[in-house]
Amino acid sequence: MLRLTEKYSARPLAELPLLFQRILQNAIRDFYRRQKVRSVWTTPMSALFGGESEDDFDPLETLEVASDSKFFEPPAEQLERSQLIALIEKALEKLPARQRQAFLLRYWEEMDVAQAAKIMGCSEGSVKTHCSRATHALAVMLQKQGIKL
């Protein structure tokens, strides 16, 4: 009723019953949505306590974080990492196609020499040569940008 009077008091009297009905329906939907969300979050947390006392148990200790997670990395380091990756990607674009392909397969896709050779349709020695040339070329390009490896 308060929502109706606050927002729609200037409306004609004939529209008020329909507006009140719509406001009531929306309020009921919102209530049940909130309850659903609350039950999703509160039930598992309370279920974690089980028979243990709440003082000795920390539910956050039960959560696992990936060892390679960058979640706790400071923002400055995140920015530095993203800028470095952008520079490497630009440098990769400047490499010849075969060197770029060999480098990406070996180091970014983490394939071994035999797998990369099979995909590239060349010998394993050729893959090693292309990777070596690519890494040296990238090192030179990045050093020109002021990045020490």
C-alpha atoms as a PDB file:
ATOM      1  CA  MET A   1       0.000   0.000   0.000  1.00  0.00           C
ATOM      2  CA  LEU A   2       2.840   2.379   0.801  1.00  0.00           C
ATOM      3  CA  ARG A   3       4.448   1.852  -2.616  1.00  0.00           C
ATOM      4  CA  LEU A   4       1.128   2.580  -4.262  1.00  0.00           C
ATOM      5  CA  THR A   5       0.619   5.819  -2.381  1.00  0.00           C
ATOM      6  CA  GLU A   6       4.227   6.976  -2.783  1.00  0.00           C
ATOM      7  CA  LYS A   7       4.558   6.425  -6.492  1.00  0.00           C
ATOM      8  CA  TYR A   8       1.059   6.442  -7.973  1.00  0.00           C
ATOM      9  CA  SER A   9      -0.993   8.872  -5.886  1.00  0.00           C
ATOM     10  CA  ALA A  10      -1.521  11.158  -8.884  1.00  0.00           C
ATOM     11  CA  ARG A  11      -3.108   8.397 -10.985  1.00  0.00           C
ATOM     12  CA  PRO A  12      -6.870   8.168 -11.582  1.00  0.00           C
ATOM     13  CA  LEU A  13      -8.832   6.208  -9.016  1.00  0.00           C
ATOM     14  CA  ALA A  14      -9.848   3.553 -11.579  1.00  0.00           C
ATOM     15  CA  GLU A  15      -6.196   2.509 -12.184  1.00  0.00           C
ATOM     16  CA  LEU A  16      -5.316   2.019  -8.523  1.00  0.00           C
ATOM     17  CA  PRO A  17      -6.727  -1.535  -8.038  1.00  0.00           C
ATOM     18  CA  LEU A  18      -4.735  -2.862 -11.024  1.00  0.00           C
ATOM     19  CA  LEU A  19      -1.582  -1.071  -9.916  1.00  0.00           C
ATOM     20  CA  PHE A  20      -1.988  -2.400  -6.390  1.00  0.00           C
ATOM     21  CA  GLN A  21      -2.398  -5.931  -7.725  1.00  0.00           C
ATOM     22  CA  ARG A  22       0.782  -5.639  -9.828  1.00  0.00           C
ATOM     23  CA  ILE A  23       2.794  -4.162  -6.944  1.00  0.00           C
ATOM     24  CA  LEU A  24       1.617  -6.962  -4.652  1.00  0.00           C
ATOM     25  CA  GLN A  25       2.531  -9.667  -7.201  1.00  0.00           C
ATOM     26  CA  ASN A  26       5.992  -8.191  -7.700  1.00  0.00           C
ATOM     27  CA  ALA A  27       6.571  -7.932  -3.934  1.00  0.00           C
ATOM     28  CA  ILE A  28       5.612 -11.585  -3.472  1.00  0.00           C
ATOM     29  CA  ARG A  29       7.915 -12.679  -6.332  1.00  0.00           C
ATOM     30  CA  ASP A  30      10.784 -10.641  -4.893  1.00  0.00           C
ATOM     31  CA  PHE A  31      10.265 -12.195  -1.471  1.00  0.00           C
ATOM     32  CA  TYR A  32      10.425 -15.756  -2.814  1.00  0.00           C
ATOM     33  CA  ARG A  33      13.425 -14.976  -5.034  1.00  0.00           C
ATOM     34  CA  ARG A  34      15.306 -13.581  -2.039  1.00  0.00           C
ATOM     35  CA  GLN A  35      14.385 -16.626   0.033  1.00  0.00           C
ATOM     36  CA  LYS A  36      15.637 -18.929  -2.705  1.00  0.00           C
ATOM     37  CA  VAL A  37      18.977 -17.123  -2.937  1.00  0.00           C
ATOM     38  CA  ARG A  38      19.369 -17.017   0.841  1.00  0.00           C
ATOM     39  CA  SER A  39      18.648 -20.718   1.171  1.00  0.00           C
ATOM     40  CA  VAL A  40      21.220 -21.551  -1.495  1.00  0.00           C
ATOM     41  CA  TRP A  41      23.921 -19.655   0.410  1.00  0.00           C
ATOM     42  CA  THR A  42      22.981 -20.337   4.014  1.00  0.00           C
ATOM     43  CA  THR A  43      22.084 -24.021   3.851  1.00  0.00           C
ATOM     44  CA  PRO A  44      25.478 -25.295   2.667  1.00  0.00           C
ATOM     45  CA  MET A  45      27.326 -23.105   5.179  1.00  0.00           C
ATOM     46  CA  SER A  46      25.231 -24.393   8.076  1.00  0.00           C
ATOM     47  CA  ALA A  47      25.574 -27.945   6.789  1.00  0.00           C
ATOM     48  CA  LEU A  48      29.359 -27.591   6.953  1.00  0.00           C
ATOM     49  CA  PHE A  49      29.273 -27.205  10.721  1.00  0.00           C
ATOM     50  CA  GLY A  50      27.811 -30.657  11.235  1.00  0.00           C
ATOM     51  CA  GLY A  51      28.441 -31.895  14.777  1.00  0.00           C
ATOM     52  CA  GLU A  52      31.466 -29.691  15.427  1.00  0.00           C
ATOM     53  CA  SER A  53      31.287 -26.576  17.525  1.00  0.00           C
ATOM     54  CA  GLU A  54      31.193 -23.336  15.587  1.00  0.00           C
ATOM     55  CA  ASP A  55      34.153 -21.919  17.525  1.00  0.00           C
ATOM     56  CA  ASP A  56      36.618 -24.562  16.338  1.00  0.00           C
ATOM     57  CA  PHE A  57      35.466 -24.719  12.732  1.00  0.00           C
ATOM     58  CA  ASP A  58      36.200 -22.257   9.949  1.00  0.00           C
ATOM     59  CA  PRO A  59      34.137 -23.014   6.807  1.00  0.00           C
ATOM     60  CA  LEU A  60      36.592 -21.078   4.657  1.00  0.00           C
ATOM     61  CA  GLU A  61      39.240 -23.692   5.398  1.00  0.00           C
ATOM     62  CA  THR A  62      37.167 -26.276   3.542  1.00  0.00           C
ATOM     63  CA  LEU A  63      37.288 -24.329   0.284  1.00  0.00           C
ATOM     64  CA  GLU A  64      40.051 -25.259  -2.111  1.00  0.00           C
ATOM     65  CA  VAL A  65      41.842 -22.665  -4.195  1.00  0.00           C
ATOM     66  CA  ALA A  66      43.751 -23.710  -7.287  1.00  0.00           C
ATOM     67  CA  SER A  67      47.489 -23.549  -6.720  1.00  0.00           C
ATOM     68  CA  ASP A  68      47.956 -21.506  -9.897  1.00  0.00           C
ATOM     69  CA  SER A  69      45.200 -19.095  -8.932  1.00  0.00           C
ATOM     70  CA  LYS A  70      45.988 -15.403  -9.397  1.00  0.00           C
ATOM     71  CA  PHE A  71      43.088 -14.411  -7.149  1.00  0.00           C
ATOM     72  CA  PHE A  72      45.310 -13.039  -4.400  1.00  0.00           C
ATOM     73  CA  GLU A  73      47.731 -11.314  -6.731  1.00  0.00           C
ATOM     74  CA  PRO A  74      47.940  -7.556  -6.166  1.00  0.00           C
ATOM     75  CA  PRO A  75      46.335  -5.372  -8.860  1.00  0.00           C
ATOM     76  CA  ALA A  76      49.679  -3.862  -9.862  1.00  0.00           C
ATOM     77  CA  GLU A  77      51.061  -7.318 -10.627  1.00  0.00           C
ATOM     78  CA  GLN A  78      47.897  -8.246 -12.542  1.00  0.00           C
ATOM     79  CA  LEU A  79      48.274  -5.120 -14.665  1.00  0.00           C
ATOM     80  CA  GLU A  80      51.964  -5.802 -15.253  1.00  0.00           C
ATOM     81  CA  ARG A  81      51.202  -9.388 -16.285  1.00  0.00           C
ATOM     82  CA  SER A  82      48.454  -8.345 -18.708  1.00  0.00           C
ATOM     83  CA  GLN A  83      50.725  -5.711 -20.274  1.00  0.00           C
ATOM     84  CA  LEU A  84      53.530  -8.245 -20.658  1.00  0.00           C
ATOM     85  CA  ILE A  85      51.174 -10.733 -22.321  1.00  0.00           C
ATOM     86  CA  ALA A  86      49.979  -8.028 -24.709  1.00  0.00           C
ATOM     87  CA  LEU A  87      53.585  -7.213 -25.659  1.00  0.00           C
ATOM     88  CA  ILE A  88      54.374 -10.889 -26.218  1.00  0.00           C
ATOM     89  CA  GLU A  89      51.278 -11.303 -28.409  1.00  0.00           C
ATOM     90  CA  LYS A  90      52.292  -8.299 -30.523  1.00  0.00           C
ATOM     91  CA  ALA A  91      55.798  -9.705 -30.859  1.00  0.00           C
ATOM     92  CA  LEU A  92      54.387 -13.092 -31.864  1.00  0.00           C
ATOM     93  CA  GLU A  93      52.436 -11.454 -34.679  1.00  0.00           C
ATOM     94  CA  LYS A  94      55.715 -10.192 -36.151  1.00  0.00           C
ATOM     95  CA  LEU A  95      57.274 -13.684 -36.317  1.00  0.00           C
ATOM     96  CA  PRO A  96      57.215 -15.727 -39.536  1.00  0.00           C
ATOM     97  CA  ALA A  97      54.249 -18.100 -39.696  1.00  0.00           C
ATOM     98  CA  ARG A  98      56.193 -21.347 -39.145  1.00  0.00           C
ATOM     99  CA  GLN A  99      58.139 -19.957 -36.183  1.00  0.00           C
ATOM    100  CA  ARG A 100      54.952 -18.604 -34.628  1.00  0.00           C
ATOM    101  CA  GLN A 101      53.171 -21.923 -35.151  1.00  0.00           C
ATOM    102  CA  ALA A 102      56.032 -23.943 -33.655  1.00  0.00           C
ATOM    103  CA  PHE A 103      56.355 -21.593 -30.676  1.00  0.00           C
ATOM    104  CA  LEU A 104      52.629 -21.609 -29.905  1.00  0.00           C
ATOM    105  CA  LEU A 105      52.315 -25.371 -30.214  1.00  0.00           C
ATOM    106  CA  ARG A 106      55.341 -26.070 -28.044  1.00  0.00           C
ATOM    107  CA  TYR A 107      55.088 -23.445 -25.330  1.00  0.00           C
ATOM    108  CA  TRP A 108      51.505 -22.181 -25.197  1.00  0.00           C
ATOM    109  CA  GLU A 109      49.750 -25.442 -26.068  1.00  0.00           C
ATOM    110  CA  GLU A 110      52.418 -27.404 -24.138  1.00  0.00           C
ATOM    111  CA  MET A 111      52.832 -30.079 -26.782  1.00  0.00           C
ATOM    112  CA  ASP A 112      55.961 -32.155 -27.070  1.00  0.00           C
ATOM    113  CA  VAL A 113      58.200 -31.991 -30.135  1.00  0.00           C
ATOM    114  CA  ALA A 114      56.682 -35.099 -31.750  1.00  0.00           C
ATOM    115  CA  GLN A 115      53.109 -33.798 -31.472  1.00  0.00           C
ATOM    116  CA  ALA A 116      54.062 -30.383 -32.843  1.00  0.00           C
ATOM    117  CA  ALA A 117      55.947 -32.009 -35.744  1.00  0.00           C
ATOM    118  CA  LYS A 118      52.933 -34.144 -36.595  1.00  0.00           C
ATOM    119  CA  ILE A 119      50.595 -31.137 -36.608  1.00  0.00           C
ATOM    120  CA  MET A 120      53.009 -28.970 -38.595  1.00  0.00           C
ATOM    121  CA  GLY A 121      53.781 -31.769 -41.038  1.00  0.00           C
ATOM    122  CA  CYS A 122      57.553 -31.548 -40.648  1.00  0.00           C
ATOM    123  CA  SER A 123      60.403 -33.284 -38.832  1.00  0.00           C
ATOM    124  CA  GLU A 124      61.099 -32.950 -35.134  1.00  0.00           C
ATOM    125  CA  GLY A 125      64.403 -31.243 -35.885  1.00  0.00           C
ATOM    126  CA  SER A 126      62.562 -28.628 -37.938  1.00  0.00           C
ATOM    127  CA  VAL A 127      60.221 -27.916 -35.011  1.00  0.00           C
ATOM    128  CA  LYS A 128      63.222 -27.498 -32.693  1.00  0.00           C
ATOM    129  CA  THR A 129      64.860 -25.120 -35.160  1.00  0.00           C
ATOM    130  CA  HIS A 130      61.708 -23.032 -35.581  1.00  0.00           C
ATOM    131  CA  CYS A 131      61.214 -22.874 -31.781  1.00  0.00           C
ATOM    132  CA  SER A 132      64.807 -21.847 -31.201  1.00  0.00           C
ATOM    133  CA  ARG A 133      64.647 -19.096 -33.805  1.00  0.00           C
ATOM    134  CA  ALA A 134      61.282 -17.911 -32.471  1.00  0.00           C
ATOM    135  CA  THR A 135      62.514 -17.675 -28.873  1.00  0.00           C
ATOM    136  CA  HIS A 136      65.641 -15.784 -29.917  1.00  0.00           C
ATOM    137  CA  ALA A 137      63.623 -13.386 -32.091  1.00  0.00           C
ATOM    138  CA  LEU A 138      61.092 -12.828 -29.294  1.00  0.00           C
ATOM    139  CA  ALA A 139      63.872 -12.197 -26.788  1.00  0.00           C
ATOM    140  CA  VAL A 140      65.386  -9.547 -29.062  1.00  0.00           C
ATOM    141  CA  MET A 141      62.006  -7.888 -29.695  1.00  0.00           C
ATOM    142  CA  LEU A 142      61.150  -7.830 -25.983  1.00  0.00           C
ATOM    143  CA  GLN A 143      64.561  -6.489 -24.999  1.00  0.00           C
ATOM    144  CA  LYS A 144      64.007  -3.619 -27.419  1.00  0.00           C
ATOM    145  CA  GLN A 145      60.796  -2.915 -25.471  1.00  0.00           C
ATOM    146  CA  GLY A 146      62.833  -2.783 -22.253  1.00  0.00           C
ATOM    147  CA  ILE A 147      61.827  -6.210 -20.927  1.00  0.00           C
ATOM    148  CA  LYS A 148      64.669  -8.264 -19.488  1.00  0.00           C
ATOM    149  CA  LEU A 149      64.334 -12.012 -19.604  1.00  0.00           C
END
